[in-house]
């Protein structure tokens, strides 16, 4: 009898554990109040899982995507995750405004659900919020592992600053999953050989500051700089180099040697600081002139579409005579037809 009760107790614990995983996955969900309090101390993006108790796909996403150790670990590290019942009856304060249930009746939407989803009350819905609540990205429907991965990286690594999600998602999948697509080939020059290359033929230079742990940098290296729409232009106007910012050896550059230093206890190559004028993020593109002086530093991810006009602006020397915004406006003007 004693053994029976021990076995029953163990079974109850296991059943409770499985039930907990089914309800919450492996994500450490927070309330809106907890997430906003934590965000005051350290800013991170919010991930809001908008669900209902009757939604089967919501439960399935909790059992699968949010129970994937890699996905859940990434979310727990880089986001403030909030699980929000779209038909709940609690009063919620969000970004300084109070939201209440629209009705005490069951299966009626919460005011905050209407704010997030508008008239498209579809579940599950996943909302990503960053930049002090100023940038929102909504994805509706079930998200499997491969579908949520680019969304997470897009938000955490600030790819949203220079590219649309549709563009980024396309190139993310080409980098990590669908590699059978047309590629151009940009001529890459090792940094150690850059100065001797300049003596043969002086051109402007692009230096991609990257690292092995930077996913958006991997996407840029694999797709942006192999995209057929810009390959020929880059080969004509620029040298292309890549610098792993955690590289440990020394590199000669313009009469000095640069090596690894510690910045906030992080090993960083000092040439990355030199080329970026001490102002870079990961990834970054440093644009150098023919004398290898830094003209501009482009922080965060750039798709081929967002990078192309910048390359043309500096590559054609228009930067010497007019501001970039004026250059862009002129490019948008329709071409007049000749009779």
Foldseek 3Di string as FASTA:
>chain_A
DVVVVVVVVVVVVVVVVLVVQLVAALAPADALVVQVVVCVVPNAKEKEWEAAPPDPLSSVLSNAVSNPVVNRVLCNVGYRYHYHHQQDADWDAHPNDIWGHPDPDGPGGTRVCCVVQPPNNAPGKIWIAHDSRPDIDIDGDHAHNLRCVLVSLCRRQVVVVQDDSVLSSVLLCCQPPVVPDDWADAAADELQCVVVVLVVPFAKEKEKEAAPVRSLSSSCVRALCGPPVCRVVCNVHYHYYYDDQQDADWHDDPHDIWGWDADVNRTGIVVVCVQAVNDEDPTKMFIAGRVRHTDDIGYTHHHNVRCVLVSVCVSVPVVVPDDSVVVVVVVPDDDDDDD
